N, C-alpha and C. Protein backbone atom coordinates (compact mmCIF):
# COMPACT_ATOMS: atom_id res chain seq x y z
N MET A 1 -9.74 13.64 -32.48
CA MET A 1 -9.43 14.78 -31.72
C MET A 1 -8.25 15.53 -32.24
N ASP A 2 -8.29 16.84 -32.04
CA ASP A 2 -7.21 17.69 -32.26
C ASP A 2 -7.15 18.78 -31.22
N TYR A 3 -6.08 19.55 -31.20
CA TYR A 3 -5.97 20.59 -30.18
C TYR A 3 -5.15 21.74 -30.70
N GLN A 4 -5.48 22.91 -30.28
CA GLN A 4 -4.72 24.14 -30.63
C GLN A 4 -4.28 24.80 -29.35
N VAL A 5 -3.07 25.33 -29.32
CA VAL A 5 -2.51 26.01 -28.18
C VAL A 5 -2.37 27.52 -28.44
N THR A 6 -2.84 28.26 -27.56
CA THR A 6 -2.70 29.73 -27.65
C THR A 6 -2.21 30.25 -26.31
N GLU A 7 -1.71 31.46 -26.40
CA GLU A 7 -1.29 32.18 -25.07
C GLU A 7 -2.15 33.38 -24.93
N LYS A 8 -2.62 33.58 -23.77
CA LYS A 8 -3.42 34.74 -23.45
C LYS A 8 -3.32 35.13 -22.00
N LYS A 9 -3.00 36.38 -21.67
CA LYS A 9 -2.91 36.91 -20.33
C LYS A 9 -2.08 35.90 -19.43
N ASN A 10 -0.87 35.68 -19.88
CA ASN A 10 0.02 34.80 -19.05
C ASN A 10 -0.49 33.38 -18.82
N ALA A 11 -1.31 32.85 -19.73
CA ALA A 11 -1.79 31.51 -19.61
C ALA A 11 -1.70 30.83 -20.91
N THR A 12 -1.34 29.55 -20.77
CA THR A 12 -1.33 28.61 -21.97
C THR A 12 -2.68 27.94 -22.04
N ILE A 13 -3.45 28.15 -23.10
CA ILE A 13 -4.76 27.66 -23.25
C ILE A 13 -4.68 26.50 -24.28
N VAL A 14 -5.15 25.38 -23.96
CA VAL A 14 -5.19 24.20 -24.86
C VAL A 14 -6.69 23.95 -25.19
N GLN A 15 -7.03 24.27 -26.42
CA GLN A 15 -8.43 24.02 -26.89
C GLN A 15 -8.41 22.62 -27.48
N ILE A 16 -9.28 21.76 -26.89
CA ILE A 16 -9.37 20.44 -27.37
C ILE A 16 -10.74 20.29 -28.19
N ASN A 17 -10.66 19.62 -29.30
CA ASN A 17 -11.80 19.44 -30.17
C ASN A 17 -12.01 17.99 -30.46
N GLY A 18 -13.24 17.54 -30.41
CA GLY A 18 -13.61 16.17 -30.76
C GLY A 18 -13.81 15.27 -29.56
N GLU A 19 -13.44 14.07 -29.74
CA GLU A 19 -13.63 13.01 -28.68
C GLU A 19 -12.31 12.89 -27.84
N LEU A 20 -12.39 12.70 -26.57
CA LEU A 20 -11.27 12.49 -25.83
C LEU A 20 -11.41 11.01 -25.27
N ASP A 21 -10.63 10.12 -26.09
CA ASP A 21 -10.83 8.65 -25.80
C ASP A 21 -9.48 7.99 -25.77
N VAL A 22 -9.53 6.66 -25.70
CA VAL A 22 -8.27 5.87 -25.54
C VAL A 22 -7.30 6.10 -26.77
N ALA A 23 -7.97 6.41 -27.88
CA ALA A 23 -7.04 6.58 -29.13
C ALA A 23 -6.25 7.85 -28.96
N ASN A 24 -6.60 8.80 -28.25
CA ASN A 24 -5.85 10.10 -28.20
C ASN A 24 -5.47 10.63 -26.84
N ALA A 25 -6.04 10.08 -25.79
CA ALA A 25 -5.77 10.58 -24.46
C ALA A 25 -4.28 10.51 -24.12
N MET A 26 -3.61 9.47 -24.50
CA MET A 26 -2.15 9.35 -24.23
C MET A 26 -1.38 10.40 -24.97
N GLU A 27 -1.79 10.71 -26.24
CA GLU A 27 -0.99 11.78 -26.97
C GLU A 27 -1.18 13.14 -26.22
N LEU A 28 -2.39 13.44 -25.76
CA LEU A 28 -2.59 14.71 -25.10
C LEU A 28 -1.95 14.70 -23.73
N SER A 29 -1.90 13.58 -23.03
CA SER A 29 -1.28 13.48 -21.74
C SER A 29 0.26 13.75 -21.91
N ASP A 30 0.85 13.11 -22.93
CA ASP A 30 2.30 13.35 -23.18
C ASP A 30 2.54 14.85 -23.49
N TYR A 31 1.71 15.47 -24.28
CA TYR A 31 1.85 16.86 -24.57
C TYR A 31 1.85 17.68 -23.30
N LEU A 32 0.78 17.39 -22.47
CA LEU A 32 0.64 18.19 -21.21
C LEU A 32 1.85 17.98 -20.30
N THR A 33 2.34 16.78 -20.22
CA THR A 33 3.51 16.54 -19.35
C THR A 33 4.67 17.48 -19.79
N GLY A 34 4.93 17.47 -21.11
CA GLY A 34 5.98 18.34 -21.61
C GLY A 34 5.74 19.83 -21.38
N LEU A 35 4.45 20.20 -21.48
CA LEU A 35 4.03 21.51 -21.24
C LEU A 35 4.33 21.94 -19.75
N PHE A 36 3.88 21.18 -18.87
CA PHE A 36 4.12 21.49 -17.41
C PHE A 36 5.64 21.56 -17.10
N LYS A 37 6.45 20.80 -17.71
CA LYS A 37 7.88 20.87 -17.57
C LYS A 37 8.45 22.19 -17.96
N LYS A 38 7.70 22.97 -18.78
CA LYS A 38 8.24 24.26 -19.23
C LYS A 38 7.80 25.36 -18.26
N PHE A 39 7.13 25.03 -17.18
CA PHE A 39 6.65 25.85 -16.14
C PHE A 39 5.96 27.17 -16.69
N PRO A 40 4.87 27.03 -17.33
CA PRO A 40 4.10 28.13 -17.78
C PRO A 40 3.46 28.85 -16.56
N LYS A 41 2.97 30.04 -16.67
CA LYS A 41 2.34 30.68 -15.57
C LYS A 41 0.98 30.02 -15.18
N ARG A 42 0.22 29.57 -16.15
CA ARG A 42 -1.07 28.86 -15.82
C ARG A 42 -1.42 27.99 -17.09
N VAL A 43 -2.08 26.91 -16.86
CA VAL A 43 -2.58 26.09 -17.96
C VAL A 43 -4.08 25.87 -17.87
N ILE A 44 -4.78 26.08 -18.99
CA ILE A 44 -6.17 25.99 -19.00
C ILE A 44 -6.56 25.07 -20.16
N LEU A 45 -7.28 24.04 -19.82
CA LEU A 45 -7.86 23.11 -20.84
C LEU A 45 -9.23 23.52 -21.19
N ASN A 46 -9.50 23.95 -22.43
CA ASN A 46 -10.79 24.36 -22.88
C ASN A 46 -11.46 23.21 -23.55
N LEU A 47 -12.53 22.67 -23.00
CA LEU A 47 -13.21 21.46 -23.46
C LEU A 47 -14.49 21.70 -24.08
N GLU A 48 -14.78 22.87 -24.42
CA GLU A 48 -16.09 23.36 -24.98
C GLU A 48 -16.44 22.63 -26.30
N ALA A 49 -15.44 22.14 -27.08
CA ALA A 49 -15.69 21.42 -28.30
C ALA A 49 -15.47 19.94 -28.14
N VAL A 50 -15.39 19.44 -26.88
CA VAL A 50 -15.27 18.01 -26.67
C VAL A 50 -16.72 17.46 -26.46
N ASN A 51 -17.06 16.50 -27.25
CA ASN A 51 -18.37 15.94 -27.22
C ASN A 51 -18.47 14.59 -26.52
N TYR A 52 -17.30 14.05 -26.16
CA TYR A 52 -17.29 12.76 -25.55
C TYR A 52 -16.00 12.54 -24.74
N ILE A 53 -16.07 12.08 -23.49
CA ILE A 53 -14.86 11.81 -22.73
C ILE A 53 -15.01 10.34 -22.19
N ALA A 54 -14.08 9.56 -22.64
CA ALA A 54 -14.03 8.18 -22.21
C ALA A 54 -13.23 8.19 -20.89
N SER A 55 -13.17 6.90 -20.17
CA SER A 55 -12.47 6.84 -18.90
C SER A 55 -11.03 7.19 -19.04
N SER A 56 -10.47 6.87 -20.18
CA SER A 56 -9.01 7.25 -20.43
C SER A 56 -8.80 8.75 -20.52
N GLY A 57 -9.83 9.43 -21.00
CA GLY A 57 -9.78 10.93 -21.08
C GLY A 57 -9.90 11.47 -19.65
N LEU A 58 -10.75 10.90 -18.81
CA LEU A 58 -10.92 11.31 -17.41
C LEU A 58 -9.62 11.07 -16.70
N ALA A 59 -8.98 9.91 -16.92
CA ALA A 59 -7.70 9.60 -16.31
C ALA A 59 -6.61 10.62 -16.73
N MET A 60 -6.67 11.07 -18.00
CA MET A 60 -5.77 12.07 -18.45
C MET A 60 -5.91 13.38 -17.69
N LEU A 61 -7.15 13.74 -17.37
CA LEU A 61 -7.38 14.98 -16.63
C LEU A 61 -6.82 14.88 -15.26
N VAL A 62 -6.93 13.74 -14.59
CA VAL A 62 -6.41 13.56 -13.21
C VAL A 62 -4.84 13.57 -13.35
N ALA A 63 -4.28 12.97 -14.37
CA ALA A 63 -2.74 12.94 -14.53
C ALA A 63 -2.31 14.48 -14.74
N ALA A 64 -3.06 15.27 -15.48
CA ALA A 64 -2.74 16.56 -15.70
C ALA A 64 -2.79 17.36 -14.33
N LEU A 65 -3.83 17.11 -13.54
CA LEU A 65 -3.91 17.79 -12.27
C LEU A 65 -2.70 17.37 -11.38
N LYS A 66 -2.36 16.13 -11.38
CA LYS A 66 -1.21 15.65 -10.64
C LYS A 66 0.14 16.38 -11.10
N LYS A 67 0.30 16.41 -12.40
CA LYS A 67 1.50 17.10 -12.89
C LYS A 67 1.48 18.50 -12.57
N SER A 68 0.28 19.19 -12.56
CA SER A 68 0.18 20.52 -12.15
C SER A 68 0.62 20.83 -10.75
N ARG A 69 0.20 19.88 -9.88
CA ARG A 69 0.64 20.00 -8.45
C ARG A 69 2.09 19.76 -8.21
N GLU A 70 2.67 18.75 -8.99
CA GLU A 70 4.11 18.53 -8.95
C GLU A 70 4.94 19.66 -9.35
N THR A 71 4.51 20.36 -10.33
CA THR A 71 5.31 21.47 -10.89
C THR A 71 4.82 22.83 -10.33
N ARG A 72 3.77 22.85 -9.56
CA ARG A 72 3.18 24.06 -8.96
C ARG A 72 2.68 25.01 -9.95
N VAL A 73 2.27 24.50 -11.16
CA VAL A 73 1.66 25.33 -12.19
C VAL A 73 0.11 25.26 -12.09
N PRO A 74 -0.50 26.42 -11.81
CA PRO A 74 -2.00 26.50 -11.65
C PRO A 74 -2.63 25.89 -12.98
N PHE A 75 -3.65 25.06 -12.75
CA PHE A 75 -4.32 24.34 -13.81
C PHE A 75 -5.80 24.32 -13.60
N ALA A 76 -6.56 24.47 -14.72
CA ALA A 76 -8.03 24.40 -14.63
C ALA A 76 -8.56 23.82 -15.99
N ILE A 77 -9.79 23.46 -15.94
CA ILE A 77 -10.49 23.06 -17.14
C ILE A 77 -11.73 23.98 -17.24
N CYS A 78 -12.21 24.12 -18.42
CA CYS A 78 -13.33 25.04 -18.62
C CYS A 78 -14.13 24.55 -19.85
N GLY A 79 -15.40 25.12 -19.99
CA GLY A 79 -16.16 24.90 -21.13
C GLY A 79 -16.72 23.50 -21.24
N LEU A 80 -17.02 22.86 -20.14
CA LEU A 80 -17.52 21.47 -20.27
C LEU A 80 -18.86 21.41 -21.01
N SER A 81 -18.92 20.62 -22.02
CA SER A 81 -20.22 20.42 -22.66
C SER A 81 -21.07 19.57 -21.70
N PRO A 82 -22.45 19.51 -21.90
CA PRO A 82 -23.23 18.79 -21.01
C PRO A 82 -22.86 17.24 -20.93
N MET A 83 -22.45 16.69 -22.02
CA MET A 83 -21.97 15.35 -22.03
C MET A 83 -20.68 15.18 -21.22
N ALA A 84 -19.71 16.05 -21.39
CA ALA A 84 -18.53 16.00 -20.62
C ALA A 84 -18.68 16.30 -19.18
N ARG A 85 -19.56 17.24 -18.83
CA ARG A 85 -19.85 17.54 -17.50
C ARG A 85 -20.45 16.38 -16.76
N LYS A 86 -21.37 15.63 -17.41
CA LYS A 86 -21.98 14.50 -16.88
C LYS A 86 -20.87 13.45 -16.52
N ALA A 87 -19.96 13.13 -17.40
CA ALA A 87 -18.92 12.26 -17.16
C ALA A 87 -18.04 12.65 -15.97
N VAL A 88 -17.69 13.94 -15.93
CA VAL A 88 -16.90 14.39 -14.83
C VAL A 88 -17.59 14.32 -13.46
N GLU A 89 -18.94 14.67 -13.53
CA GLU A 89 -19.68 14.63 -12.28
C GLU A 89 -20.00 13.28 -11.76
N MET A 90 -20.20 12.29 -12.75
CA MET A 90 -20.48 10.84 -12.33
C MET A 90 -19.26 10.25 -11.66
N THR A 91 -18.10 10.68 -12.00
CA THR A 91 -16.88 10.17 -11.33
C THR A 91 -16.43 11.00 -10.19
N THR A 92 -17.18 12.01 -9.80
CA THR A 92 -16.88 13.03 -8.75
C THR A 92 -15.57 13.72 -8.96
N LEU A 93 -15.04 13.82 -10.19
CA LEU A 93 -13.86 14.57 -10.42
C LEU A 93 -14.08 16.07 -10.26
N HIS A 94 -15.35 16.47 -10.38
CA HIS A 94 -15.63 17.94 -10.18
C HIS A 94 -15.19 18.39 -8.78
N GLU A 95 -15.10 17.46 -7.84
CA GLU A 95 -14.69 17.74 -6.51
C GLU A 95 -13.17 18.03 -6.33
N ILE A 96 -12.38 17.58 -7.26
CA ILE A 96 -10.93 17.78 -7.22
C ILE A 96 -10.47 18.72 -8.33
N LEU A 97 -11.07 18.70 -9.49
CA LEU A 97 -10.63 19.52 -10.58
C LEU A 97 -11.16 20.96 -10.54
N PRO A 98 -10.35 21.96 -10.71
CA PRO A 98 -10.82 23.34 -10.74
C PRO A 98 -11.52 23.53 -12.13
N ILE A 99 -12.83 23.75 -12.10
CA ILE A 99 -13.68 23.81 -13.35
C ILE A 99 -14.33 25.21 -13.34
N TYR A 100 -14.18 25.79 -14.57
CA TYR A 100 -14.86 27.09 -14.80
C TYR A 100 -15.71 27.05 -16.07
N GLU A 101 -16.58 28.02 -16.19
CA GLU A 101 -17.52 28.03 -17.26
C GLU A 101 -16.83 28.20 -18.60
N ASN A 102 -15.85 29.19 -18.62
CA ASN A 102 -15.23 29.51 -19.92
C ASN A 102 -13.75 30.05 -19.73
N VAL A 103 -13.12 30.37 -20.76
CA VAL A 103 -11.69 30.79 -20.63
C VAL A 103 -11.58 32.08 -19.88
N ASP A 104 -12.49 32.96 -20.11
CA ASP A 104 -12.38 34.30 -19.34
C ASP A 104 -12.51 34.08 -17.93
N GLU A 105 -13.48 33.33 -17.51
CA GLU A 105 -13.63 33.09 -16.08
C GLU A 105 -12.40 32.35 -15.49
N SER A 106 -11.84 31.45 -16.23
CA SER A 106 -10.61 30.77 -15.77
C SER A 106 -9.45 31.80 -15.63
N LEU A 107 -9.34 32.66 -16.56
CA LEU A 107 -8.27 33.68 -16.50
C LEU A 107 -8.44 34.58 -15.34
N ASN A 108 -9.71 34.87 -14.99
CA ASN A 108 -9.96 35.72 -13.85
C ASN A 108 -9.76 35.08 -12.47
N LYS A 109 -10.05 33.84 -12.43
CA LYS A 109 -10.00 33.17 -11.16
C LYS A 109 -8.80 32.32 -10.89
N LEU A 110 -8.07 31.90 -11.90
CA LEU A 110 -7.02 30.98 -11.71
C LEU A 110 -5.71 31.88 -11.51
N GLN A 111 -5.11 31.72 -10.31
CA GLN A 111 -3.99 32.58 -10.00
C GLN A 111 -2.75 32.16 -10.90
N GLU A 112 -1.92 33.11 -11.18
CA GLU A 112 -0.62 32.80 -11.89
C GLU A 112 0.41 32.19 -10.93
N THR A 113 1.42 31.47 -11.46
CA THR A 113 2.54 31.02 -10.69
C THR A 113 3.24 32.26 -10.28
N PRO A 114 3.62 32.40 -9.04
CA PRO A 114 4.25 33.57 -8.53
C PRO A 114 5.63 33.72 -9.16
N ALA A 115 6.12 34.90 -9.45
CA ALA A 115 7.45 35.08 -9.94
C ALA A 115 8.47 34.83 -8.84
N GLU A 116 9.62 34.29 -9.19
CA GLU A 116 10.59 33.91 -8.15
C GLU A 116 11.67 34.94 -8.18
């Protein structure tokens, strides 16, 4: 797994590539924890290039959602491959995770953190 981070329309987009498993879920979780502490306007995880999600990867998604709520930074995932979508739906995480088809839909529907 590797990931690239870009900024677009007041959102931090993390594009994840490869497998999201026990070998790399902690690394990504640590990165996201640090990212949320910087209070970006929005965080979007793009999973379109993820071909496998292990239970540790699913746990990382839940941890990211929790950190999002703690910091009040809007968070979503998008671009689930059929394999990744199946894993998310089997665990009913689709009921709590904001999931969109692609980055553009995420940008349109995910509200920014209000300015203080």
